[in-house]
Amino acid sequence: MTTISLVTGSSRGLGRSTALSIARKGGDVIVTYQSRKAEANAVVAEMETLGRKAVALQLDAGNTSAFPAFAEGLKAVLRRIWQRDSFDHLVNNAGHGEVAPIAEMGEAAFDKLVNVHFKGVFFLTQTLLPLLADGGRIVNLSTGLTRVSAEGWAAYAAVKGAVEVLTVYMAKELGSRRITVNAVAPGAIETDFFGGAVRDMPAFNQYFAGMTALGRVGVADDVGPMIASLLSEDSRWVNAQRIEVSGGQGI
């Protein structure tokens, strides 16, 4: 049976690479976007050229009050396009960067990090659990910065650390439904993340490349295919793990 994966924040960057990697492996995908509808529709169109079914839904991953309505919309889409009442994989990818030293981090920026990266992941997963098929997969995105430090990233890394702990508890609590839950921790990647800083600022790029055993920063396609492979039946016994995909950053 064809699998259906929901990848949050998949109109661009790592989420886009993950969605397309899933499609190339024969899966169908629900793309979510916050504001970039045209880009999300372009991802859907590209997946359709691969012979897959796909749809784009709007979602603000930091607005928990909108999650029940999102779930209702998802139910309708599953029935209309797939004639199903469930989906198989949830990839909690949506995110953003807020960078400042601890002494300078503002409360509003801190709260936004918590709302998108932790509270949103917790309550979106909770909301969608009735729609997630038994034997399914959840992948939560973390960061290599929970293991090594870089100036200014304390708050971001801390909320991702919370996601890693949450991942272990999700795996335990959902084990009775045969749902595996893992965290994938990318290193620095050349995407639009944090305003495209790693991609567009040579000094930033070189800083992280110098921390990486393979001598460069990553690109989205270094990580997306790995996430897609983690969703496959071949990875059914991988559970409650933090898997770093960073080219050896900070070793």
Protein backbone atom coordinates (compact mmCIF):
# COMPACT_ATOMS: atom_id res chain seq x y z
CA MET A 1 0.00 0.00 0.00
CA THR A 2 1.24 3.48 -0.85
CA THR A 3 2.22 5.49 2.21
CA ILE A 4 1.06 9.03 2.95
CA SER A 5 3.53 11.34 4.70
CA LEU A 6 2.79 14.78 6.17
CA VAL A 7 5.87 17.00 6.18
CA THR A 8 5.49 20.35 7.91
CA GLY A 9 7.27 23.36 6.47
CA SER A 10 7.94 21.60 3.18
CA SER A 11 7.56 24.41 0.66
CA ARG A 12 11.33 24.93 0.64
CA GLY A 13 14.64 23.85 2.11
CA LEU A 14 15.00 20.68 4.11
CA GLY A 15 11.26 20.02 4.17
CA ARG A 16 11.08 20.28 0.38
CA SER A 17 13.99 17.86 -0.02
CA THR A 18 12.33 15.44 2.40
CA ALA A 19 9.00 15.59 0.58
CA LEU A 20 10.60 15.01 -2.82
CA SER A 21 12.77 12.20 -1.46
CA ILE A 22 9.67 10.46 -0.14
CA ALA A 23 8.01 10.86 -3.53
CA ARG A 24 11.04 9.41 -5.31
CA LYS A 25 10.76 6.37 -3.05
CA GLY A 26 7.14 5.88 -4.09
CA GLY A 27 5.27 7.66 -1.29
CA ASP A 28 2.55 10.30 -1.46
CA VAL A 29 2.99 13.53 0.49
CA ILE A 30 0.99 16.25 2.20
CA VAL A 31 3.01 19.47 2.06
CA THR A 32 2.39 22.24 4.59
CA TYR A 33 3.39 25.87 4.29
CA GLN A 34 2.94 28.96 6.44
CA SER A 35 2.78 31.67 3.78
CA ARG A 36 4.57 30.50 0.60
CA LYS A 37 1.62 28.96 -1.19
CA ALA A 38 3.12 29.28 -4.68
CA GLU A 39 6.31 27.50 -3.61
CA ALA A 40 4.28 24.75 -1.91
CA ASN A 41 2.19 24.27 -5.04
CA ALA A 42 5.41 24.00 -7.07
CA VAL A 43 6.59 21.19 -4.80
CA VAL A 44 3.25 19.44 -5.28
CA ALA A 45 3.54 19.81 -9.05
CA GLU A 46 7.05 18.36 -9.01
CA MET A 47 5.87 15.34 -7.03
CA GLU A 48 3.02 14.84 -9.46
CA THR A 49 5.54 14.63 -12.32
CA LEU A 50 7.01 11.67 -10.40
CA GLY A 51 3.65 9.97 -10.54
CA ARG A 52 2.76 10.64 -6.91
CA LYS A 53 -0.31 12.17 -5.29
CA ALA A 54 0.34 15.32 -3.28
CA VAL A 55 -1.49 18.29 -1.80
CA ALA A 56 -0.47 21.53 -0.06
CA LEU A 57 -2.18 22.71 3.13
CA GLN A 58 -1.61 25.95 5.03
CA LEU A 59 -0.33 25.55 8.59
CA ASP A 60 1.25 27.91 11.10
CA ALA A 61 3.23 25.47 13.24
CA GLY A 62 3.43 27.97 16.09
CA ASN A 63 -0.32 28.62 16.35
CA THR A 64 -1.79 25.78 18.39
CA SER A 65 -5.29 27.27 18.29
CA ALA A 66 -5.45 26.51 14.56
CA PHE A 67 -4.54 22.83 14.92
CA PRO A 68 -8.08 21.42 15.37
CA ALA A 69 -9.25 23.12 12.17
CA PHE A 70 -6.14 21.88 10.38
CA ALA A 71 -6.93 18.34 11.48
CA GLU A 72 -10.48 18.64 10.12
CA GLY A 73 -9.14 19.88 6.81
CA LEU A 74 -6.65 17.04 6.73
CA LYS A 75 -9.44 14.51 7.31
CA ALA A 76 -11.33 15.88 4.34
CA VAL A 77 -8.24 15.77 2.11
CA LEU A 78 -7.44 12.19 3.10
CA ARG A 79 -10.93 11.06 2.21
CA ARG A 80 -11.16 13.04 -1.03
CA ILE A 81 -7.73 12.21 -2.49
CA TRP A 82 -6.80 8.90 -0.91
CA GLN A 83 -10.14 7.48 0.29
CA ARG A 84 -8.50 6.94 3.66
CA ASP A 85 -9.11 8.11 7.23
CA SER A 86 -5.45 8.04 8.24
CA PHE A 87 -1.92 8.90 7.15
CA ASP A 88 1.31 7.02 7.84
CA HIS A 89 4.16 9.41 8.63
CA LEU A 90 4.48 12.75 10.41
CA VAL A 91 7.67 14.76 9.91
CA ASN A 92 7.79 17.74 12.28
CA ASN A 93 10.16 19.87 10.23
CA ALA A 94 8.77 23.43 10.27
CA GLY A 95 11.06 25.89 12.00
CA HIS A 96 13.01 29.12 12.00
CA GLY A 97 16.10 30.61 13.64
CA GLU A 98 16.41 33.26 16.34
CA VAL A 99 20.02 34.01 17.21
CA ALA A 100 21.30 36.11 20.11
CA PRO A 101 23.59 35.66 23.12
CA ILE A 102 21.82 34.67 26.33
CA ALA A 103 22.36 38.17 27.72
CA GLU A 104 20.57 39.71 24.74
CA MET A 105 17.81 37.25 23.81
CA GLY A 106 14.41 38.95 23.91
CA GLU A 107 11.40 37.27 25.46
CA ALA A 108 9.28 37.57 22.32
CA ALA A 109 11.93 35.86 20.20
CA PHE A 110 12.37 33.19 22.87
CA ASP A 111 8.63 32.54 23.03
CA LYS A 112 8.45 32.22 19.24
CA LEU A 113 11.16 29.55 19.32
CA VAL A 114 9.27 27.63 22.00
CA ASN A 115 5.93 27.97 20.22
CA VAL A 116 7.18 26.76 16.84
CA HIS A 117 9.84 24.22 17.75
CA PHE A 118 8.51 22.66 20.94
CA LYS A 119 4.95 23.58 21.88
CA GLY A 120 3.90 23.31 18.25
CA VAL A 121 5.54 19.92 17.82
CA PHE A 122 3.95 18.63 21.02
CA PHE A 123 0.41 19.77 20.32
CA LEU A 124 0.36 19.19 16.57
CA THR A 125 1.42 15.61 17.18
CA GLN A 126 -1.19 15.28 19.92
CA THR A 127 -3.89 16.68 17.61
CA LEU A 128 -2.98 14.40 14.72
CA LEU A 129 -2.51 11.17 16.69
CA PRO A 130 -6.08 9.98 15.99
CA LEU A 131 -5.32 10.28 12.26
CA LEU A 132 -1.88 8.64 12.36
CA ALA A 133 -2.01 4.99 11.38
CA ASP A 134 -0.86 2.28 13.76
CA GLY A 135 2.59 1.12 12.70
CA GLY A 136 3.40 4.62 11.46
CA ARG A 137 6.42 6.86 11.88
CA ILE A 138 7.14 10.21 13.50
CA VAL A 139 10.35 12.13 12.84
CA ASN A 140 11.10 15.27 14.83
CA LEU A 141 13.76 17.65 13.57
CA SER A 142 16.44 18.66 16.06
CA THR A 143 19.88 20.18 15.48
CA GLY A 144 23.55 19.34 15.76
CA LEU A 145 23.75 22.29 18.16
CA THR A 146 22.33 20.22 21.00
CA ARG A 147 25.68 18.41 21.05
CA VAL A 148 28.16 21.19 20.21
CA SER A 149 27.77 24.89 20.96
CA ALA A 150 27.94 27.95 18.72
CA GLU A 151 27.64 31.49 20.01
CA GLY A 152 24.13 32.89 19.91
CA TRP A 153 22.27 29.63 19.47
CA ALA A 154 21.56 28.81 23.14
CA ALA A 155 17.79 29.32 23.05
CA TYR A 156 17.33 27.55 19.72
CA ALA A 157 19.44 24.59 20.85
CA ALA A 158 17.61 24.42 24.19
CA VAL A 159 14.17 24.05 22.61
CA LYS A 160 15.57 21.43 20.22
CA GLY A 161 16.98 19.63 23.27
CA ALA A 162 13.44 19.58 24.65
CA VAL A 163 12.28 18.02 21.37
CA GLU A 164 14.89 15.28 21.75
CA VAL A 165 13.59 14.42 25.22
CA LEU A 166 10.02 14.56 23.94
CA THR A 167 10.98 12.14 21.17
CA VAL A 168 12.00 9.47 23.69
CA TYR A 169 8.75 9.85 25.62
CA MET A 170 6.68 9.76 22.44
CA ALA A 171 8.41 6.54 21.42
CA LYS A 172 7.59 4.98 24.78
CA GLU A 173 3.97 6.09 24.88
CA LEU A 174 3.21 5.23 21.26
CA GLY A 175 5.01 1.91 21.24
CA SER A 176 1.78 0.04 21.92
CA ARG A 177 0.54 1.33 18.54
CA ARG A 178 3.80 0.25 16.85
CA ILE A 179 4.58 3.87 15.98
CA THR A 180 8.29 4.65 15.97
CA VAL A 181 9.55 8.11 16.90
CA ASN A 182 13.03 9.41 16.17
CA ALA A 183 14.82 12.75 16.12
CA VAL A 184 17.03 13.77 13.20
CA ALA A 185 19.67 16.39 14.02
CA PRO A 186 21.11 18.15 10.96
CA GLY A 187 24.26 20.21 11.06
CA ALA A 188 24.58 23.57 9.31
CA ILE A 189 22.81 23.48 5.94
CA GLU A 190 22.70 25.83 2.97
CA THR A 191 18.98 26.68 2.88
CA ASP A 192 16.73 29.71 3.49
CA PHE A 193 16.91 28.94 7.23
CA PHE A 194 17.86 31.98 9.34
CA GLY A 195 17.59 34.22 6.30
CA GLY A 196 19.88 31.97 4.25
CA ALA A 197 22.86 32.89 6.44
CA VAL A 198 24.76 29.62 6.02
CA ARG A 199 24.21 29.71 2.27
CA ASP A 200 24.74 33.42 1.57
CA MET A 201 27.27 34.67 4.14
CA PRO A 202 30.79 33.37 3.37
CA ALA A 203 32.08 33.94 6.89
CA PHE A 204 29.16 32.03 8.41
CA ASN A 205 29.56 29.24 5.88
CA GLN A 206 33.28 28.94 6.48
CA TYR A 207 32.82 28.96 10.26
CA PHE A 208 30.59 25.88 10.19
CA ALA A 209 32.55 24.20 7.39
CA GLY A 210 35.61 24.48 9.63
CA MET A 211 33.74 22.60 12.36
CA THR A 212 32.84 19.72 10.01
CA ALA A 213 34.96 16.64 9.34
CA LEU A 214 33.99 16.55 5.66
CA GLY A 215 35.12 20.14 5.23
CA ARG A 216 31.88 21.74 4.07
CA VAL A 217 28.41 22.59 5.31
CA GLY A 218 25.49 20.48 4.22
CA VAL A 219 22.84 20.98 1.57
CA ALA A 220 19.21 19.97 1.90
CA ASP A 221 19.70 16.86 -0.23
CA ASP A 222 22.29 15.58 2.24
CA VAL A 223 19.50 15.22 4.81
CA GLY A 224 16.13 14.84 3.07
CA PRO A 225 16.87 11.39 1.60
CA MET A 226 18.03 10.16 4.99
CA ILE A 227 14.74 11.21 6.58
CA ALA A 228 12.86 9.46 3.79
CA SER A 229 14.86 6.28 4.43
CA LEU A 230 14.01 6.48 8.14
CA LEU A 231 10.32 6.33 7.21
CA SER A 232 10.76 3.10 5.25
CA GLU A 233 10.07 -0.43 6.43
CA ASP A 234 13.84 -1.04 6.39
CA SER A 235 14.10 1.24 9.46
CA ARG A 236 11.24 -0.33 11.42
CA TRP A 237 13.50 -1.25 14.38
CA VAL A 238 15.05 2.21 14.73
CA ASN A 239 13.19 3.88 17.58
CA ALA A 240 13.69 6.57 20.24
CA GLN A 241 16.98 7.66 18.68
CA ARG A 242 18.73 10.95 18.04
CA ILE A 243 20.37 10.57 14.63
CA GLU A 244 22.82 13.29 13.67
CA VAL A 245 23.23 14.04 9.97
CA SER A 246 25.97 16.65 9.94
CA GLY A 247 28.99 15.36 8.04
CA GLY A 248 30.80 15.08 11.36
CA GLN A 249 30.21 18.60 12.67
CA GLY A 250 32.12 19.48 15.79
CA ILE A 251 34.05 16.25 16.25
